[in-house]
Amino acid sequence: MDQLTEQREYYRHRAGEYDQWWQRQGRYALDEQAREHWFADIDEAAQTLDRFRPEGDVLEFAAGTGWWTERLTRHATRVTAVDAHTETLELNRARTGGTGKVTYVQADIFDWSPPPAAFDTVFFSYWLSHVPADRLDGFWQQVATALRPGGRVFLLDSYRPERIEGDLQERVLNDGRTFQVIKRFWQPAELESLPGWRLTAGVTTHGAVIHAHGAPDR
């Protein structure tokens, strides 16, 4: 299978165990200090998002199991949550508790066209690192097209201080199956220099999360 198909299959099968990673449980458990740092960084990222205040109509790409969808509903009037897998969207629905604020769209992001100029904010977490290099321009064009005049973007992702050679990682599921996924660790300077965008990027205190926000340069 091609790389994007393999990546989609991995995340479809991983839906039921994603929260174990997020909560650092089971085989994803960390030592006490690393665990404290992880949750402190996630809280710091959440506070950064709260200060950004994603109000109005929000589009969330790769919504996953809903950890950030739920946070978005605290500010947004409406959230359109897009994900490729029914398995993750079902978990997302359960987490957001049927607030009525969230519309779910099951679609491959690369094949889905958002309504033009329909959103005040486009948000994505732990997604940009999985976009292959030859799809980046098209993806950022999707984001720009979706935003209303004055609209903004906010992103979160994994961070490593060093640039890793190659953009593929081997991932293992709890049942032992292995998959190759695209994983690029972005640096703040790279995000801030993206053509066509005015982004401000930073890294959380303990270096677990990179975040960036801004708007199209138009």
N, C-alpha and C. Protein backbone atom coordinates (compact mmCIF):
# COMPACT_ATOMS: atom_id res chain seq x y z
N MET A 1 0.84 -1.19 0.00
CA MET A 1 0.00 0.00 0.00
C MET A 1 0.88 1.25 0.00
N ASP A 2 0.35 2.37 -0.52
CA ASP A 2 1.16 3.58 -0.56
C ASP A 2 1.25 4.18 0.85
N GLN A 3 2.13 5.19 1.00
CA GLN A 3 2.45 5.70 2.33
C GLN A 3 1.25 6.34 3.03
N LEU A 4 0.46 7.11 2.32
CA LEU A 4 -0.69 7.76 2.95
C LEU A 4 -1.75 6.74 3.35
N THR A 5 -1.94 5.70 2.53
CA THR A 5 -2.90 4.64 2.89
C THR A 5 -2.43 3.92 4.14
N GLU A 6 -1.14 3.62 4.23
CA GLU A 6 -0.61 2.95 5.41
C GLU A 6 -0.78 3.83 6.65
N GLN A 7 -0.54 5.12 6.50
CA GLN A 7 -0.71 6.03 7.63
C GLN A 7 -2.17 6.09 8.09
N ARG A 8 -3.09 6.16 7.13
CA ARG A 8 -4.50 6.16 7.50
C ARG A 8 -4.89 4.88 8.22
N GLU A 9 -4.39 3.75 7.74
CA GLU A 9 -4.71 2.47 8.38
C GLU A 9 -4.17 2.42 9.80
N TYR A 10 -2.98 2.95 9.99
CA TYR A 10 -2.41 2.98 11.35
C TYR A 10 -3.31 3.76 12.29
N TYR A 11 -3.72 4.95 11.89
CA TYR A 11 -4.52 5.77 12.80
C TYR A 11 -5.94 5.22 12.98
N ARG A 12 -6.46 4.53 11.99
CA ARG A 12 -7.75 3.89 12.15
C ARG A 12 -7.67 2.80 13.21
N HIS A 13 -6.64 1.97 13.13
CA HIS A 13 -6.49 0.87 14.09
C HIS A 13 -6.04 1.38 15.47
N ARG A 14 -5.41 2.55 15.49
CA ARG A 14 -4.90 3.08 16.75
C ARG A 14 -5.98 3.84 17.53
N ALA A 15 -7.12 4.08 16.96
CA ALA A 15 -8.14 4.92 17.59
C ALA A 15 -8.42 4.49 19.03
N GLY A 16 -8.58 3.20 19.25
CA GLY A 16 -8.92 2.71 20.58
C GLY A 16 -7.81 2.80 21.60
N GLU A 17 -6.58 3.01 21.14
CA GLU A 17 -5.47 3.11 22.09
C GLU A 17 -4.82 4.49 22.11
N TYR A 18 -5.34 5.42 21.30
CA TYR A 18 -4.74 6.76 21.25
C TYR A 18 -4.75 7.42 22.62
N ASP A 19 -5.84 7.28 23.35
CA ASP A 19 -5.94 7.95 24.65
C ASP A 19 -4.94 7.40 25.66
N GLN A 20 -4.50 6.15 25.48
CA GLN A 20 -3.46 5.62 26.35
C GLN A 20 -2.16 6.40 26.17
N TRP A 21 -1.85 6.73 24.90
CA TRP A 21 -0.66 7.56 24.65
C TRP A 21 -0.86 8.95 25.25
N TRP A 22 -2.00 9.56 24.99
CA TRP A 22 -2.25 10.92 25.44
C TRP A 22 -2.16 11.01 26.97
N GLN A 23 -2.67 10.01 27.67
CA GLN A 23 -2.68 10.01 29.13
C GLN A 23 -1.46 9.31 29.73
N ARG A 24 -0.56 8.84 28.85
CA ARG A 24 0.68 8.19 29.27
C ARG A 24 0.40 7.00 30.18
N GLN A 25 -0.41 6.10 29.67
CA GLN A 25 -0.78 4.89 30.38
C GLN A 25 -0.25 3.67 29.66
N GLY A 26 -0.23 2.52 30.37
CA GLY A 26 0.20 1.28 29.75
C GLY A 26 1.62 1.36 29.25
N ARG A 27 1.84 0.94 28.01
CA ARG A 27 3.21 0.94 27.47
C ARG A 27 3.71 2.34 27.14
N TYR A 28 2.83 3.34 27.26
CA TYR A 28 3.23 4.73 27.04
C TYR A 28 3.56 5.44 28.35
N ALA A 29 3.59 4.71 29.45
CA ALA A 29 3.84 5.32 30.75
C ALA A 29 5.24 5.93 30.80
N LEU A 30 5.36 7.04 31.54
CA LEU A 30 6.62 7.74 31.72
C LEU A 30 7.04 7.70 33.18
N ASP A 31 8.32 8.00 33.44
CA ASP A 31 8.72 8.13 34.84
C ASP A 31 8.06 9.37 35.43
N GLU A 32 8.11 9.51 36.73
CA GLU A 32 7.33 10.55 37.41
C GLU A 32 7.64 11.95 36.90
N GLN A 33 8.92 12.26 36.76
CA GLN A 33 9.28 13.61 36.32
C GLN A 33 8.84 13.86 34.88
N ALA A 34 9.09 12.90 33.99
CA ALA A 34 8.71 13.06 32.59
C ALA A 34 7.20 13.19 32.46
N ARG A 35 6.47 12.44 33.28
CA ARG A 35 5.01 12.53 33.25
C ARG A 35 4.55 13.93 33.69
N GLU A 36 5.15 14.44 34.76
CA GLU A 36 4.80 15.79 35.22
C GLU A 36 5.08 16.82 34.14
N HIS A 37 6.23 16.68 33.47
CA HIS A 37 6.59 17.62 32.42
C HIS A 37 5.62 17.54 31.24
N TRP A 38 5.23 16.32 30.87
CA TRP A 38 4.30 16.15 29.76
C TRP A 38 2.99 16.87 30.04
N PHE A 39 2.40 16.60 31.19
CA PHE A 39 1.10 17.20 31.50
C PHE A 39 1.21 18.71 31.73
N ALA A 40 2.35 19.16 32.25
CA ALA A 40 2.55 20.61 32.40
C ALA A 40 2.61 21.27 31.03
N ASP A 41 3.27 20.63 30.06
CA ASP A 41 3.37 21.20 28.72
C ASP A 41 2.02 21.19 28.02
N ILE A 42 1.24 20.12 28.19
CA ILE A 42 -0.09 20.08 27.58
C ILE A 42 -0.97 21.18 28.18
N ASP A 43 -0.88 21.39 29.49
CA ASP A 43 -1.65 22.45 30.13
C ASP A 43 -1.20 23.82 29.62
N GLU A 44 0.09 23.99 29.43
CA GLU A 44 0.62 25.26 28.91
C GLU A 44 0.11 25.50 27.49
N ALA A 45 0.10 24.45 26.67
CA ALA A 45 -0.41 24.59 25.30
C ALA A 45 -1.90 24.94 25.32
N ALA A 46 -2.65 24.32 26.23
CA ALA A 46 -4.08 24.61 26.34
C ALA A 46 -4.32 26.05 26.75
N GLN A 47 -3.50 26.55 27.66
CA GLN A 47 -3.64 27.95 28.08
C GLN A 47 -3.30 28.91 26.94
N THR A 48 -2.32 28.54 26.11
CA THR A 48 -1.98 29.35 24.95
C THR A 48 -3.16 29.40 23.98
N LEU A 49 -3.82 28.26 23.79
CA LEU A 49 -5.01 28.23 22.93
C LEU A 49 -6.13 29.08 23.52
N ASP A 50 -6.31 29.02 24.84
CA ASP A 50 -7.36 29.82 25.48
C ASP A 50 -7.10 31.31 25.30
N ARG A 51 -5.83 31.72 25.39
CA ARG A 51 -5.51 33.13 25.17
C ARG A 51 -5.76 33.54 23.73
N PHE A 52 -5.55 32.62 22.82
CA PHE A 52 -5.82 32.86 21.40
C PHE A 52 -7.32 33.06 21.15
N ARG A 53 -8.15 32.38 21.91
CA ARG A 53 -9.62 32.47 21.86
C ARG A 53 -10.15 32.17 20.46
N PRO A 54 -10.27 30.87 20.14
CA PRO A 54 -10.81 30.48 18.83
C PRO A 54 -12.33 30.62 18.78
N GLU A 55 -12.80 31.85 18.60
CA GLU A 55 -14.23 32.13 18.65
C GLU A 55 -14.86 32.01 17.26
N GLY A 56 -16.20 32.04 17.24
CA GLY A 56 -16.92 32.00 15.98
C GLY A 56 -17.00 30.60 15.41
N ASP A 57 -16.87 30.51 14.09
CA ASP A 57 -16.93 29.22 13.39
C ASP A 57 -15.51 28.67 13.25
N VAL A 58 -15.30 27.48 13.79
CA VAL A 58 -13.96 26.88 13.84
C VAL A 58 -13.96 25.58 13.04
N LEU A 59 -12.96 25.42 12.20
CA LEU A 59 -12.72 24.18 11.47
C LEU A 59 -11.56 23.47 12.12
N GLU A 60 -11.77 22.22 12.52
CA GLU A 60 -10.69 21.42 13.10
C GLU A 60 -10.35 20.29 12.15
N PHE A 61 -9.13 20.32 11.64
CA PHE A 61 -8.63 19.23 10.82
C PHE A 61 -8.05 18.13 11.72
N ALA A 62 -8.24 16.86 11.31
CA ALA A 62 -7.71 15.71 12.04
C ALA A 62 -8.14 15.76 13.51
N ALA A 63 -9.45 15.81 13.71
CA ALA A 63 -10.01 16.04 15.04
C ALA A 63 -9.74 14.91 16.02
N GLY A 64 -9.51 13.71 15.53
CA GLY A 64 -9.13 12.62 16.41
C GLY A 64 -10.18 12.30 17.46
N THR A 65 -9.71 11.92 18.64
CA THR A 65 -10.61 11.45 19.69
C THR A 65 -11.21 12.58 20.53
N GLY A 66 -10.88 13.82 20.22
CA GLY A 66 -11.62 14.93 20.79
C GLY A 66 -11.02 15.69 21.94
N TRP A 67 -9.76 15.41 22.29
CA TRP A 67 -9.15 16.14 23.40
C TRP A 67 -9.16 17.65 23.15
N TRP A 68 -8.87 18.05 21.91
CA TRP A 68 -8.84 19.47 21.60
C TRP A 68 -10.19 19.97 21.10
N THR A 69 -10.99 19.09 20.52
CA THR A 69 -12.34 19.49 20.12
C THR A 69 -13.11 20.02 21.31
N GLU A 70 -13.03 19.29 22.41
CA GLU A 70 -13.72 19.71 23.63
C GLU A 70 -13.23 21.08 24.07
N ARG A 71 -11.94 21.34 23.97
CA ARG A 71 -11.39 22.64 24.37
C ARG A 71 -11.91 23.74 23.44
N LEU A 72 -12.00 23.43 22.16
CA LEU A 72 -12.48 24.43 21.20
C LEU A 72 -13.91 24.86 21.49
N THR A 73 -14.74 23.93 21.94
CA THR A 73 -16.15 24.26 22.20
C THR A 73 -16.31 25.27 23.33
N ARG A 74 -15.28 25.47 24.14
CA ARG A 74 -15.37 26.46 25.22
C ARG A 74 -15.40 27.89 24.68
N HIS A 75 -14.90 28.06 23.47
CA HIS A 75 -14.82 29.39 22.87
C HIS A 75 -15.67 29.53 21.62
N ALA A 76 -15.73 28.48 20.81
CA ALA A 76 -16.34 28.56 19.49
C ALA A 76 -17.86 28.58 19.57
N THR A 77 -18.46 29.21 18.58
CA THR A 77 -19.90 29.11 18.39
C THR A 77 -20.25 27.77 17.78
N ARG A 78 -19.46 27.36 16.77
CA ARG A 78 -19.63 26.07 16.11
C ARG A 78 -18.26 25.52 15.75
N VAL A 79 -18.13 24.20 15.81
CA VAL A 79 -16.91 23.52 15.40
C VAL A 79 -17.26 22.49 14.33
N THR A 80 -16.54 22.54 13.22
CA THR A 80 -16.65 21.49 12.21
C THR A 80 -15.41 20.61 12.36
N ALA A 81 -15.62 19.37 12.80
CA ALA A 81 -14.52 18.45 13.12
C ALA A 81 -14.37 17.43 12.00
N VAL A 82 -13.23 17.47 11.33
CA VAL A 82 -12.99 16.59 10.18
C VAL A 82 -11.95 15.55 10.55
N ASP A 83 -12.25 14.29 10.26
CA ASP A 83 -11.29 13.21 10.47
C ASP A 83 -11.58 12.11 9.47
N ALA A 84 -10.56 11.34 9.14
CA ALA A 84 -10.71 10.30 8.12
C ALA A 84 -11.44 9.07 8.63
N HIS A 85 -11.59 8.92 9.95
CA HIS A 85 -12.01 7.63 10.49
C HIS A 85 -13.26 7.73 11.35
N THR A 86 -14.21 6.88 11.09
CA THR A 86 -15.40 6.82 11.93
C THR A 86 -15.04 6.39 13.34
N GLU A 87 -14.00 5.57 13.49
CA GLU A 87 -13.61 5.08 14.81
C GLU A 87 -13.21 6.23 15.74
N THR A 88 -12.43 7.18 15.22
CA THR A 88 -12.00 8.30 16.05
C THR A 88 -13.14 9.28 16.28
N LEU A 89 -13.97 9.49 15.26
CA LEU A 89 -15.08 10.43 15.41
C LEU A 89 -16.10 9.93 16.43
N GLU A 90 -16.29 8.63 16.53
CA GLU A 90 -17.20 8.11 17.55
C GLU A 90 -16.67 8.42 18.95
N LEU A 91 -15.38 8.26 19.15
CA LEU A 91 -14.77 8.60 20.44
C LEU A 91 -14.86 10.11 20.69
N ASN A 92 -14.70 10.89 19.64
CA ASN A 92 -14.81 12.34 19.75
C ASN A 92 -16.21 12.74 20.19
N ARG A 93 -17.23 12.15 19.58
CA ARG A 93 -18.61 12.43 19.96
C ARG A 93 -18.85 12.14 21.44
N ALA A 94 -18.33 11.01 21.89
CA ALA A 94 -18.51 10.64 23.30
C ALA A 94 -17.83 11.64 24.22
N ARG A 95 -16.67 12.16 23.83
CA ARG A 95 -15.94 13.09 24.69
C ARG A 95 -16.59 14.46 24.72
N THR A 96 -17.09 14.94 23.60
CA THR A 96 -17.67 16.28 23.58
C THR A 96 -19.09 16.30 24.14
N GLY A 97 -19.65 15.15 24.38
CA GLY A 97 -20.89 15.07 25.16
C GLY A 97 -22.12 15.59 24.48
N GLY A 98 -22.13 15.61 23.16
CA GLY A 98 -23.33 16.02 22.45
C GLY A 98 -23.73 17.45 22.75
N THR A 99 -22.77 18.38 22.74
CA THR A 99 -23.07 19.78 23.06
C THR A 99 -23.95 20.45 22.01
N GLY A 100 -24.01 19.86 20.83
CA GLY A 100 -24.73 20.50 19.74
C GLY A 100 -23.90 21.52 18.99
N LYS A 101 -22.70 21.80 19.49
CA LYS A 101 -21.82 22.78 18.83
C LYS A 101 -20.98 22.16 17.72
N VAL A 102 -20.88 20.83 17.70
CA VAL A 102 -19.92 20.17 16.82
C VAL A 102 -20.63 19.45 15.67
N THR A 103 -20.19 19.73 14.45
CA THR A 103 -20.60 19.00 13.26
C THR A 103 -19.45 18.11 12.84
N TYR A 104 -19.71 16.83 12.64
CA TYR A 104 -18.65 15.87 12.32
C TYR A 104 -18.65 15.56 10.83
N VAL A 105 -17.45 15.55 10.25
CA VAL A 105 -17.28 15.23 8.84
C VAL A 105 -16.25 14.12 8.74
N GLN A 106 -16.67 12.97 8.22
CA GLN A 106 -15.75 11.86 8.00
C GLN A 106 -15.24 11.97 6.57
N ALA A 107 -13.96 12.33 6.43
CA ALA A 107 -13.40 12.55 5.10
C ALA A 107 -11.88 12.52 5.17
N ASP A 108 -11.27 12.11 4.07
CA ASP A 108 -9.82 12.23 3.91
C ASP A 108 -9.52 13.72 3.69
N ILE A 109 -8.74 14.29 4.56
CA ILE A 109 -8.47 15.73 4.50
C ILE A 109 -7.90 16.14 3.14
N PHE A 110 -7.05 15.29 2.56
CA PHE A 110 -6.43 15.66 1.30
C PHE A 110 -7.42 15.68 0.14
N ASP A 111 -8.55 15.01 0.29
CA ASP A 111 -9.56 14.97 -0.77
C ASP A 111 -10.77 15.84 -0.47
N TRP A 112 -10.81 16.46 0.71
CA TRP A 112 -11.98 17.22 1.13
C TRP A 112 -11.74 18.70 0.92
N SER A 113 -12.72 19.37 0.33
CA SER A 113 -12.61 20.81 0.11
C SER A 113 -13.50 21.54 1.11
N PRO A 114 -12.94 22.32 2.01
CA PRO A 114 -13.78 23.08 2.94
C PRO A 114 -14.55 24.17 2.22
N PRO A 115 -15.70 24.55 2.74
CA PRO A 115 -16.42 25.67 2.14
C PRO A 115 -15.55 26.92 2.15
N PRO A 116 -15.47 27.64 1.05
CA PRO A 116 -14.59 28.81 1.01
C PRO A 116 -15.07 29.91 1.94
N ALA A 117 -14.10 30.54 2.60
CA ALA A 117 -14.34 31.71 3.46
C ALA A 117 -15.46 31.46 4.46
N ALA A 118 -15.47 30.27 5.06
CA ALA A 118 -16.57 29.90 5.96
C ALA A 118 -16.18 29.93 7.43
N PHE A 119 -14.89 30.07 7.75
CA PHE A 119 -14.44 29.86 9.12
C PHE A 119 -13.61 31.04 9.65
N ASP A 120 -13.78 31.28 10.94
CA ASP A 120 -12.99 32.31 11.61
C ASP A 120 -11.64 31.78 12.06
N THR A 121 -11.58 30.49 12.35
CA THR A 121 -10.33 29.85 12.79
C THR A 121 -10.23 28.47 12.17
N VAL A 122 -9.04 28.11 11.73
CA VAL A 122 -8.72 26.72 11.39
C VAL A 122 -7.71 26.24 12.42
N PHE A 123 -8.01 25.09 13.02
CA PHE A 123 -7.19 24.52 14.09
C PHE A 123 -6.79 23.10 13.70
N PHE A 124 -5.54 22.73 14.01
CA PHE A 124 -5.13 21.33 13.85
C PHE A 124 -4.02 21.02 14.85
N SER A 125 -4.12 19.86 15.46
CA SER A 125 -3.12 19.42 16.44
C SER A 125 -2.56 18.07 16.02
N TYR A 126 -1.24 17.94 16.11
CA TYR A 126 -0.56 16.69 15.79
C TYR A 126 -0.96 16.19 14.41
N TRP A 127 -1.05 17.13 13.48
CA TRP A 127 -1.41 16.80 12.10
C TRP A 127 -0.36 17.27 11.11
N LEU A 128 0.13 18.50 11.27
CA LEU A 128 1.06 19.03 10.27
C LEU A 128 2.28 18.13 10.12
N SER A 129 2.72 17.52 11.20
CA SER A 129 3.90 16.65 11.14
C SER A 129 3.66 15.41 10.29
N HIS A 130 2.39 15.09 10.00
CA HIS A 130 2.06 13.91 9.20
C HIS A 130 1.73 14.24 7.75
N VAL A 131 1.86 15.50 7.38
CA VAL A 131 1.60 15.91 6.00
C VAL A 131 2.88 15.74 5.18
N PRO A 132 2.84 14.92 4.11
CA PRO A 132 4.06 14.74 3.32
C PRO A 132 4.47 16.03 2.61
N ALA A 133 5.75 16.13 2.33
CA ALA A 133 6.30 17.37 1.77
C ALA A 133 5.60 17.79 0.49
N ASP A 134 5.24 16.82 -0.35
CA ASP A 134 4.63 17.18 -1.62
C ASP A 134 3.17 17.58 -1.48
N ARG A 135 2.61 17.50 -0.28
CA ARG A 135 1.23 17.91 -0.03
C ARG A 135 1.13 19.19 0.79
N LEU A 136 2.25 19.70 1.24
CA LEU A 136 2.21 20.85 2.15
C LEU A 136 1.58 22.08 1.51
N ASP A 137 2.00 22.42 0.31
CA ASP A 137 1.46 23.62 -0.34
C ASP A 137 -0.05 23.50 -0.51
N GLY A 138 -0.51 22.33 -0.92
CA GLY A 138 -1.94 22.13 -1.11
C GLY A 138 -2.70 22.21 0.19
N PHE A 139 -2.12 21.66 1.26
CA PHE A 139 -2.79 21.72 2.54
C PHE A 139 -2.91 23.15 3.04
N TRP A 140 -1.82 23.91 2.98
CA TRP A 140 -1.88 25.29 3.44
C TRP A 140 -2.84 26.12 2.59
N GLN A 141 -2.98 25.77 1.31
CA GLN A 141 -3.97 26.45 0.48
C GLN A 141 -5.38 26.12 0.95
N GLN A 142 -5.62 24.86 1.36
CA GLN A 142 -6.92 24.50 1.95
C GLN A 142 -7.23 25.39 3.14
N VAL A 143 -6.24 25.57 4.01
CA VAL A 143 -6.43 26.38 5.21
C VAL A 143 -6.77 27.81 4.82
N ALA A 144 -5.99 28.38 3.91
CA ALA A 144 -6.22 29.78 3.51
C ALA A 144 -7.60 29.95 2.87
N THR A 145 -7.99 28.99 2.03
CA THR A 145 -9.29 29.06 1.35
C THR A 145 -10.44 29.02 2.35
N ALA A 146 -10.28 28.25 3.42
CA ALA A 146 -11.36 28.07 4.39
C ALA A 146 -11.58 29.30 5.26
N LEU A 147 -10.56 30.17 5.38
CA LEU A 147 -10.65 31.29 6.31
C LEU A 147 -11.37 32.49 5.72
N ARG A 148 -12.22 33.09 6.54
CA ARG A 148 -12.83 34.37 6.20
C ARG A 148 -11.77 35.47 6.26
N PRO A 149 -12.03 36.61 5.65
CA PRO A 149 -11.12 37.75 5.85
C PRO A 149 -10.95 38.03 7.35
N GLY A 150 -9.71 38.16 7.77
CA GLY A 150 -9.43 38.34 9.19
C GLY A 150 -9.34 37.04 9.96
N GLY A 151 -9.55 35.90 9.28
CA GLY A 151 -9.48 34.60 9.94
C GLY A 151 -8.06 34.23 10.35
N ARG A 152 -7.98 33.29 11.29
CA ARG A 152 -6.68 32.93 11.87
C ARG A 152 -6.51 31.42 11.91
N VAL A 153 -5.26 31.00 12.08
CA VAL A 153 -4.93 29.58 12.21
C VAL A 153 -4.19 29.36 13.52
N PHE A 154 -4.39 28.18 14.12
CA PHE A 154 -3.67 27.79 15.33
C PHE A 154 -3.32 26.32 15.20
N LEU A 155 -2.06 25.99 15.48
CA LEU A 155 -1.64 24.59 15.39
C LEU A 155 -0.80 24.19 16.59
N LEU A 156 -0.87 22.91 16.90
CA LEU A 156 -0.04 22.27 17.92
C LEU A 156 0.58 21.03 17.30
N ASP A 157 1.77 20.67 17.80
CA ASP A 157 2.38 19.43 17.30
C ASP A 157 3.50 18.98 18.24
N SER A 158 4.01 17.80 17.94
CA SER A 158 5.16 17.29 18.69
C SER A 158 6.39 18.13 18.39
N TYR A 159 7.30 18.19 19.37
CA TYR A 159 8.51 18.98 19.16
C TYR A 159 9.74 18.17 19.57
N ARG A 160 10.77 18.32 18.78
CA ARG A 160 12.11 17.88 19.15
C ARG A 160 13.07 18.99 18.78
N PRO A 161 14.05 19.29 19.63
CA PRO A 161 14.94 20.42 19.33
C PRO A 161 15.86 20.17 18.15
N GLU A 162 16.12 18.89 17.84
CA GLU A 162 17.03 18.60 16.74
C GLU A 162 16.22 18.22 15.50
N ARG A 163 16.75 18.53 14.34
CA ARG A 163 16.12 18.14 13.08
C ARG A 163 16.46 16.68 12.83
N ILE A 164 15.43 15.84 12.68
CA ILE A 164 15.62 14.42 12.45
C ILE A 164 15.73 14.17 10.95
N GLU A 165 16.73 13.37 10.57
CA GLU A 165 16.88 13.02 9.16
C GLU A 165 15.79 12.04 8.75
N GLY A 166 15.16 12.33 7.63
CA GLY A 166 14.09 11.46 7.16
C GLY A 166 12.77 11.80 7.82
N ASP A 167 11.69 11.53 7.13
CA ASP A 167 10.37 11.90 7.63
C ASP A 167 9.47 10.69 7.84
N LEU A 168 10.06 9.52 8.09
CA LEU A 168 9.28 8.33 8.36
C LEU A 168 9.62 7.76 9.73
N GLN A 169 8.59 7.29 10.42
CA GLN A 169 8.76 6.62 11.71
C GLN A 169 8.04 5.28 11.67
N GLU A 170 8.62 4.30 12.35
CA GLU A 170 7.91 3.04 12.54
C GLU A 170 7.07 3.13 13.82
N ARG A 171 5.81 2.77 13.72
CA ARG A 171 4.90 2.78 14.86
C ARG A 171 4.39 1.36 15.10
N VAL A 172 4.21 1.01 16.38
CA VAL A 172 3.77 -0.33 16.76
C VAL A 172 2.49 -0.22 17.56
N LEU A 173 1.49 -1.00 17.19
CA LEU A 173 0.24 -1.05 17.93
C LEU A 173 0.36 -2.01 19.11
N ASN A 174 -0.60 -1.96 20.01
CA ASN A 174 -0.59 -2.84 21.17
C ASN A 174 -0.56 -4.32 20.78
N ASP A 175 -1.15 -4.64 19.63
CA ASP A 175 -1.18 -6.04 19.20
C ASP A 175 0.07 -6.45 18.43
N GLY A 176 1.04 -5.54 18.32
CA GLY A 176 2.31 -5.87 17.69
C GLY A 176 2.43 -5.52 16.22
N ARG A 177 1.34 -5.14 15.58
CA ARG A 177 1.42 -4.75 14.17
C ARG A 177 2.24 -3.47 14.02
N THR A 178 3.01 -3.40 12.95
CA THR A 178 3.87 -2.24 12.71
C THR A 178 3.44 -1.52 11.44
N PHE A 179 3.62 -0.19 11.47
CA PHE A 179 3.27 0.67 10.35
C PHE A 179 4.34 1.75 10.22
N GLN A 180 4.49 2.26 9.02
CA GLN A 180 5.34 3.42 8.78
C GLN A 180 4.43 4.64 8.62
N VAL A 181 4.75 5.70 9.36
CA VAL A 181 3.98 6.94 9.24
C VAL A 181 4.94 8.09 8.94
N ILE A 182 4.40 9.11 8.30
CA ILE A 182 5.16 10.34 8.07
C ILE A 182 5.23 11.11 9.38
N LYS A 183 6.40 11.60 9.73
CA LYS A 183 6.54 12.38 10.97
C LYS A 183 7.69 13.36 10.79
N ARG A 184 7.34 14.62 10.60
CA ARG A 184 8.34 15.68 10.47
C ARG A 184 8.25 16.56 11.70
N PHE A 185 9.36 16.75 12.37
CA PHE A 185 9.40 17.61 13.55
C PHE A 185 9.77 19.03 13.12
N TRP A 186 8.77 19.89 13.15
CA TRP A 186 8.96 21.27 12.72
C TRP A 186 9.67 22.09 13.78
N GLN A 187 10.42 23.08 13.31
CA GLN A 187 11.08 24.03 14.19
C GLN A 187 10.35 25.37 14.13
N PRO A 188 10.37 26.16 15.22
CA PRO A 188 9.68 27.45 15.20
C PRO A 188 10.07 28.33 14.02
N ALA A 189 11.35 28.38 13.71
CA ALA A 189 11.80 29.25 12.60
C ALA A 189 11.23 28.79 11.27
N GLU A 190 11.07 27.48 11.09
CA GLU A 190 10.49 26.97 9.85
C GLU A 190 9.04 27.41 9.70
N LEU A 191 8.29 27.33 10.79
CA LEU A 191 6.89 27.74 10.74
C LEU A 191 6.77 29.24 10.50
N GLU A 192 7.63 30.00 11.14
CA GLU A 192 7.55 31.46 11.00
C GLU A 192 7.98 31.94 9.61
N SER A 193 8.68 31.08 8.88
CA SER A 193 9.14 31.49 7.54
C SER A 193 8.31 30.85 6.42
N LEU A 194 7.19 30.20 6.76
CA LEU A 194 6.36 29.61 5.72
C LEU A 194 5.87 30.70 4.76
N PRO A 195 6.04 30.53 3.47
CA PRO A 195 5.60 31.56 2.52
C PRO A 195 4.09 31.69 2.52
N GLY A 196 3.64 32.93 2.48
CA GLY A 196 2.21 33.19 2.42
C GLY A 196 1.53 33.29 3.77
N TRP A 197 2.31 33.17 4.86
CA TRP A 197 1.72 33.19 6.20
C TRP A 197 2.53 34.08 7.13
N ARG A 198 1.84 34.65 8.11
CA ARG A 198 2.48 35.39 9.19
C ARG A 198 2.18 34.63 10.49
N LEU A 199 3.11 33.79 10.88
CA LEU A 199 2.93 32.93 12.05
C LEU A 199 3.91 33.30 13.15
N THR A 200 3.45 33.17 14.39
CA THR A 200 4.30 33.30 15.56
C THR A 200 4.35 31.93 16.22
N ALA A 201 5.55 31.39 16.40
CA ALA A 201 5.70 30.02 16.90
C ALA A 201 6.49 30.01 18.20
N GLY A 202 6.21 29.01 19.02
CA GLY A 202 6.93 28.84 20.28
C GLY A 202 6.89 27.39 20.71
N VAL A 203 7.62 27.11 21.78
CA VAL A 203 7.74 25.76 22.32
C VAL A 203 7.43 25.81 23.80
N THR A 204 6.73 24.82 24.30
CA THR A 204 6.40 24.77 25.72
C THR A 204 7.64 24.60 26.58
N THR A 205 7.50 24.87 27.85
CA THR A 205 8.63 24.98 28.77
C THR A 205 9.53 23.75 28.76
N HIS A 206 8.93 22.57 28.76
CA HIS A 206 9.71 21.34 28.82
C HIS A 206 9.94 20.71 27.46
N GLY A 207 9.54 21.42 26.40
CA GLY A 207 9.90 21.01 25.05
C GLY A 207 9.08 19.90 24.44
N ALA A 208 7.88 19.64 24.95
CA ALA A 208 7.07 18.56 24.39
C ALA A 208 6.21 19.01 23.22
N VAL A 209 5.82 20.28 23.21
CA VAL A 209 4.82 20.75 22.25
C VAL A 209 5.30 22.03 21.56
N ILE A 210 5.16 22.07 20.24
CA ILE A 210 5.36 23.29 19.48
C ILE A 210 3.99 23.85 19.13
N HIS A 211 3.86 25.16 19.16
CA HIS A 211 2.58 25.80 18.83
C HIS A 211 2.85 27.00 17.94
N ALA A 212 1.88 27.32 17.11
CA ALA A 212 2.01 28.48 16.23
C ALA A 212 0.62 29.02 15.91
N HIS A 213 0.54 30.33 15.73
CA HIS A 213 -0.72 30.94 15.37
C HIS A 213 -0.44 32.15 14.50
N GLY A 214 -1.44 32.51 13.72
CA GLY A 214 -1.28 33.66 12.85
C GLY A 214 -2.34 33.70 11.79
N ALA A 215 -2.00 34.26 10.63
CA ALA A 215 -2.99 34.48 9.59
C ALA A 215 -2.29 34.46 8.23
N PRO A 216 -3.09 34.29 7.17
CA PRO A 216 -2.50 34.38 5.84
C PRO A 216 -1.93 35.78 5.58
N ASP A 217 -0.89 35.83 4.82
CA ASP A 217 -0.27 37.12 4.48
C ASP A 217 -0.95 37.65 3.22
N ARG A 218 -2.15 38.21 3.44
CA ARG A 218 -2.91 38.68 2.28
C ARG A 218 -3.61 39.98 2.62
